[in-house]
Amino acid sequence: MTIRLSTRNLTKSFTLHTQGGAVIPVFKNINLTVSGGECVCLHGPSGAGKSTLLRSLYANYKPDSGQVFVEHLGVVTDLTGAKPWHVKAIRQRTIGYVSQFLRAIPRVSCRDVVIEPALALGLDVEEARERAETLLNRLRVPERLWSLAPATFSGGEQQRVNIARGFIVDYPILLLDEPTASLDAANRQTVIELINEAKARDAAVVGIFHDEEVRDAVADRLFAVGKVSVSDALAEPTKRKVAVWCRTCPHADLQSTTRPRRNIR
């Protein structure tokens, strides 16, 4: 299997500037590797740092130290040292992200919210519209809502729009933050099908699933996230494979997280 995502000694804390500079450690020295065709479930108690790790993988959060390697257009890139324009390009083509809550521009229709990532990638409008409508139908979003802004929808309806938006492009890497939390049983099953279809086309999936039934249906392995210290237990041959893969990144030996870089939202 092809390695698509890997972290090296990833460490993250938050500094509370309004609380006298108190430092809250989240995780330390995380080494996680995800290959195409597998789903890794981040597992741990609430507050352990699972969502923070997912946002760090998406470059929403800048880590204190460590590196995040992704395969983008056949080249291994360290996200922690990438320029903002490069991060944007990687997100457009390589990394899909489904957040816990839909954040959409007000007054933009449901259908247009879903098709936006496909249009940004250069897909034909009609093809993008067809993909969007297929996903919305599969996720049981009533057609009467497609022309309305999602801000008027229920929480479950908004999350289904969010999922459709995340799956409209065949991303090589998918990051899913509790995608089924607001869904009924029928729509949870649809999300399971979408994830397994992504795995079948060799996508690497990292997800947070508090629903045990969903987790059991999609996860190939669990990655335990606990406070302060986490390490992915890899066999020695896999460790060597990861090391070779990471070295193909032009900046793999640089302490890239020391470079000033603004957070990208």
Protein backbone atom coordinates (compact mmCIF):
# COMPACT_ATOMS: atom_id res chain seq x y z
CA MET A 1 0.00 0.00 0.00
CA THR A 2 1.12 3.54 -0.76
CA ILE A 3 1.79 5.80 2.21
CA ARG A 4 -0.25 8.97 1.77
CA LEU A 5 0.06 10.69 5.15
CA SER A 6 2.63 10.55 7.91
CA THR A 7 3.63 12.60 10.94
CA ARG A 8 7.00 12.75 12.63
CA ASN A 9 7.24 13.68 16.33
CA LEU A 10 4.24 16.01 16.06
CA THR A 11 3.77 18.10 19.21
CA LYS A 12 1.08 20.66 19.98
CA SER A 13 0.18 22.88 22.93
CA PHE A 14 -1.93 25.99 23.41
CA THR A 15 -0.76 29.14 25.18
CA LEU A 16 -3.48 31.01 27.09
CA HIS A 17 -2.35 34.61 26.76
CA THR A 18 -5.30 35.87 28.82
CA GLN A 19 -4.34 33.49 31.63
CA GLY A 20 -0.83 34.69 32.30
CA GLY A 21 0.68 32.71 29.44
CA ALA A 22 -0.35 29.33 30.84
CA VAL A 23 0.63 26.51 28.49
CA ILE A 24 -1.79 23.62 27.95
CA PRO A 25 -0.08 20.57 26.39
CA VAL A 26 -2.27 18.61 24.00
CA PHE A 27 -0.08 15.87 22.52
CA LYS A 28 3.61 15.15 22.15
CA ASN A 29 5.72 13.24 19.63
CA ILE A 30 2.89 11.75 17.59
CA ASN A 31 4.08 9.39 14.87
CA LEU A 32 1.17 8.35 12.67
CA THR A 33 1.27 6.75 9.24
CA VAL A 34 -1.74 6.16 6.99
CA SER A 35 -1.67 4.31 3.68
CA GLY A 36 -4.07 4.35 0.79
CA GLY A 37 -7.01 2.02 1.20
CA GLU A 38 -7.16 2.15 4.98
CA CYS A 39 -9.14 4.03 7.60
CA VAL A 40 -7.43 4.93 10.86
CA CYS A 41 -9.75 5.90 13.69
CA LEU A 42 -8.44 8.36 16.27
CA HIS A 43 -9.51 6.89 19.57
CA GLY A 44 -9.52 8.40 23.05
CA PRO A 45 -11.58 10.21 25.67
CA SER A 46 -13.19 13.58 25.07
CA GLY A 47 -10.58 16.33 25.36
CA ALA A 48 -7.67 14.04 24.49
CA GLY A 49 -6.74 16.11 21.43
CA LYS A 50 -8.28 14.10 18.59
CA SER A 51 -9.83 17.09 16.80
CA THR A 52 -6.68 19.14 17.42
CA LEU A 53 -4.64 16.41 15.75
CA LEU A 54 -7.03 16.31 12.79
CA ARG A 55 -6.81 20.10 12.39
CA SER A 56 -3.03 19.88 12.57
CA LEU A 57 -3.08 17.32 9.75
CA TYR A 58 -5.14 19.80 7.71
CA ALA A 59 -2.75 22.67 8.56
CA ASN A 60 -5.44 24.62 10.40
CA TYR A 61 -3.25 24.46 13.49
CA LYS A 62 0.49 25.01 13.46
CA PRO A 63 2.29 22.45 15.65
CA ASP A 64 4.93 23.43 18.18
CA SER A 65 7.34 21.01 16.52
CA GLY A 66 7.36 17.99 14.27
CA GLN A 67 6.30 17.47 10.68
CA VAL A 68 3.25 16.43 8.66
CA PHE A 69 4.08 14.73 5.37
CA VAL A 70 1.51 14.24 2.60
CA GLU A 71 1.81 12.84 -0.89
CA HIS A 72 0.60 15.53 -3.31
CA LEU A 73 0.74 14.96 -7.07
CA GLY A 74 3.39 12.29 -6.57
CA VAL A 75 5.61 14.49 -4.39
CA VAL A 76 5.98 14.17 -0.62
CA THR A 77 5.45 17.58 0.99
CA ASP A 78 5.87 18.76 4.59
CA LEU A 79 2.75 20.78 5.39
CA THR A 80 4.32 22.43 8.43
CA GLY A 81 6.80 24.26 6.22
CA ALA A 82 4.65 24.79 3.13
CA LYS A 83 3.76 28.27 1.90
CA PRO A 84 0.10 29.31 2.25
CA TRP A 85 -0.53 29.07 -1.51
CA HIS A 86 0.93 25.55 -1.49
CA VAL A 87 -1.27 24.49 1.43
CA LYS A 88 -4.29 25.81 -0.48
CA ALA A 89 -3.32 23.83 -3.59
CA ILE A 90 -2.84 20.66 -1.53
CA ARG A 91 -6.26 21.10 0.06
CA GLN A 92 -7.91 21.61 -3.33
CA ARG A 93 -6.57 18.40 -4.84
CA THR A 94 -5.34 16.10 -2.11
CA ILE A 95 -6.98 16.57 1.32
CA GLY A 96 -10.70 16.56 1.94
CA TYR A 97 -11.95 17.63 5.36
CA VAL A 98 -15.35 17.17 6.98
CA SER A 99 -15.58 19.26 10.14
CA GLN A 100 -17.97 18.75 13.03
CA PHE A 101 -20.09 21.69 11.93
CA LEU A 102 -20.87 23.20 8.53
CA ARG A 103 -19.44 26.67 8.02
CA ALA A 104 -20.83 28.17 4.84
CA ILE A 105 -21.15 31.64 3.36
CA PRO A 106 -24.61 33.04 4.21
CA ARG A 107 -27.25 33.04 1.47
CA VAL A 108 -25.35 30.56 -0.70
CA SER A 109 -27.59 27.67 -1.72
CA CYS A 110 -27.11 24.14 -0.46
CA ARG A 111 -26.27 22.87 -3.96
CA ASP A 112 -23.67 25.61 -4.51
CA VAL A 113 -22.05 24.93 -1.13
CA VAL A 114 -21.59 21.30 -2.14
CA ILE A 115 -20.25 21.89 -5.67
CA GLU A 116 -17.73 24.62 -4.73
CA PRO A 117 -14.74 22.25 -4.14
CA ALA A 118 -15.39 20.51 -7.47
CA LEU A 119 -15.53 23.81 -9.36
CA ALA A 120 -12.32 24.97 -7.65
CA LEU A 121 -10.69 21.83 -9.02
CA GLY A 122 -11.80 22.72 -12.54
CA LEU A 123 -14.69 20.29 -13.02
CA ASP A 124 -17.36 21.15 -15.56
CA VAL A 125 -20.37 22.85 -13.94
CA GLU A 126 -22.83 20.22 -15.15
CA GLU A 127 -20.65 17.34 -13.95
CA ALA A 128 -20.17 19.03 -10.58
CA ARG A 129 -23.91 19.64 -10.28
CA GLU A 130 -24.64 15.99 -11.13
CA ARG A 131 -22.17 14.78 -8.49
CA ALA A 132 -23.67 17.11 -5.91
CA GLU A 133 -27.22 16.02 -6.60
CA THR A 134 -26.25 12.35 -6.47
CA LEU A 135 -24.64 12.82 -3.05
CA LEU A 136 -27.52 14.91 -1.72
CA ASN A 137 -29.95 12.22 -2.83
CA ARG A 138 -27.89 9.47 -1.24
CA LEU A 139 -27.77 11.45 2.00
CA ARG A 140 -31.53 12.03 1.87
CA VAL A 141 -31.42 15.82 1.68
CA PRO A 142 -34.84 16.73 0.21
CA GLU A 143 -34.67 18.32 -3.24
CA ARG A 144 -36.84 21.21 -2.04
CA LEU A 145 -33.89 22.30 0.14
CA TRP A 146 -31.22 22.33 -2.56
CA SER A 147 -31.86 25.94 -3.57
CA LEU A 148 -31.99 27.19 0.03
CA ALA A 149 -29.13 28.36 2.25
CA PRO A 150 -28.05 25.67 4.76
CA ALA A 151 -28.19 28.19 7.62
CA THR A 152 -31.94 27.50 7.71
CA PHE A 153 -31.47 23.71 8.01
CA SER A 154 -31.52 21.44 11.05
CA GLY A 155 -28.23 20.22 12.52
CA GLY A 156 -28.55 16.84 10.84
CA GLU A 157 -29.37 18.39 7.47
CA GLN A 158 -26.40 20.74 7.72
CA GLN A 159 -24.08 17.86 8.52
CA ARG A 160 -25.30 15.90 5.50
CA VAL A 161 -24.55 18.92 3.30
CA ASN A 162 -21.12 19.06 4.94
CA ILE A 163 -20.50 15.39 4.15
CA ALA A 164 -21.63 15.81 0.53
CA ARG A 165 -19.21 18.73 0.16
CA GLY A 166 -16.37 16.65 1.61
CA PHE A 167 -16.96 13.69 -0.71
CA ILE A 168 -17.72 15.48 -3.99
CA VAL A 169 -14.03 15.33 -4.97
CA ASP A 170 -12.18 12.00 -4.95
CA TYR A 171 -9.51 13.19 -2.54
CA PRO A 172 -6.52 10.88 -1.93
CA ILE A 173 -6.70 11.82 1.78
CA LEU A 174 -9.89 12.32 3.82
CA LEU A 175 -10.04 13.79 7.34
CA LEU A 176 -13.39 13.23 9.06
CA ASP A 177 -14.26 14.85 12.39
CA GLU A 178 -17.30 13.09 13.85
CA PRO A 179 -19.20 13.07 10.54
CA THR A 180 -22.02 10.86 11.85
CA ALA A 181 -22.64 12.56 15.21
CA SER A 182 -25.91 14.22 14.12
CA LEU A 183 -27.21 11.52 11.80
CA ASP A 184 -29.92 8.89 12.01
CA ALA A 185 -29.25 5.20 11.39
CA ALA A 186 -30.04 5.29 7.66
CA ASN A 187 -27.69 8.20 6.98
CA ARG A 188 -24.98 6.70 9.18
CA GLN A 189 -25.12 3.66 6.93
CA THR A 190 -24.76 5.90 3.87
CA VAL A 191 -21.65 7.52 5.36
CA ILE A 192 -20.22 4.05 6.05
CA GLU A 193 -20.76 3.24 2.37
CA LEU A 194 -19.09 6.49 1.24
CA ILE A 195 -16.06 5.84 3.44
CA ASN A 196 -15.68 2.27 2.22
CA GLU A 197 -16.01 3.46 -1.39
CA ALA A 198 -13.22 5.97 -0.72
CA LYS A 199 -11.04 3.20 0.71
CA ALA A 200 -11.79 1.04 -2.33
CA ARG A 201 -10.35 3.76 -4.62
CA ASP A 202 -7.21 3.81 -2.43
CA ALA A 203 -7.92 6.92 -0.36
CA ALA A 204 -6.31 7.23 3.07
CA VAL A 205 -8.93 8.07 5.71
CA VAL A 206 -8.37 9.45 9.21
CA GLY A 207 -11.51 9.85 11.27
CA ILE A 208 -13.05 10.43 14.66
CA PHE A 209 -16.12 8.27 15.27
CA HIS A 210 -17.75 8.11 18.68
CA ASP A 211 -20.42 5.78 17.27
CA GLU A 212 -19.03 2.30 17.92
CA GLU A 213 -21.08 0.73 15.12
CA VAL A 214 -19.65 3.15 12.55
CA ARG A 215 -16.14 2.77 13.91
CA ASP A 216 -16.32 -1.02 13.70
CA ALA A 217 -17.64 -0.83 10.13
CA VAL A 218 -14.92 1.43 8.68
CA ALA A 219 -11.80 1.35 10.86
CA ASP A 220 -8.89 -0.86 9.84
CA ARG A 221 -7.07 0.10 13.03
CA LEU A 222 -7.36 2.41 16.00
CA PHE A 223 -4.81 5.07 16.90
CA ALA A 224 -4.97 5.91 20.59
CA VAL A 225 -4.75 9.62 21.36
CA GLY A 226 -4.05 10.45 24.98
CA LYS A 227 -2.83 13.50 26.80
CA VAL A 228 0.76 14.58 26.16
CA SER A 229 2.33 11.46 24.67
CA VAL A 230 1.27 9.25 21.78
CA SER A 231 3.22 6.98 19.45
CA ASP A 232 1.99 4.81 16.60
CA ALA A 233 3.23 1.27 17.14
CA LEU A 234 4.81 0.29 13.81
CA ALA A 235 6.68 -2.84 12.92
CA GLU A 236 10.35 -2.27 12.03
CA PRO A 237 9.86 -2.86 8.25
CA THR A 238 7.08 -0.27 8.25
CA LYS A 239 9.25 2.20 10.17
CA ARG A 240 11.98 1.83 7.56
CA LYS A 241 9.45 2.31 4.75
CA VAL A 242 8.15 5.50 6.37
CA ALA A 243 11.67 6.84 6.86
CA VAL A 244 12.50 6.30 3.18
CA TRP A 245 9.18 7.88 2.11
CA CYS A 246 9.69 10.96 4.30
CA ARG A 247 13.22 11.47 2.95
CA THR A 248 11.76 12.05 -0.51
CA CYS A 249 10.38 15.35 0.79
CA PRO A 250 12.79 18.14 -0.25
CA HIS A 251 12.69 19.65 3.26
CA ALA A 252 12.42 16.50 5.37
CA ASP A 253 15.59 17.25 7.32
CA LEU A 254 14.72 20.86 8.09
CA GLN A 255 13.13 22.02 11.33
CA SER A 256 10.45 23.63 9.21
CA THR A 257 8.15 24.43 12.11
CA THR A 258 10.63 27.08 13.24
CA ARG A 259 9.84 29.13 10.15
CA PRO A 260 7.31 31.89 10.69
CA ARG A 261 4.03 31.00 9.03
CA ARG A 262 0.57 32.31 9.61
CA ASN A 263 -2.20 29.87 10.43
CA ILE A 264 -4.49 29.14 7.50
CA ARG A 265 -8.18 28.88 8.17
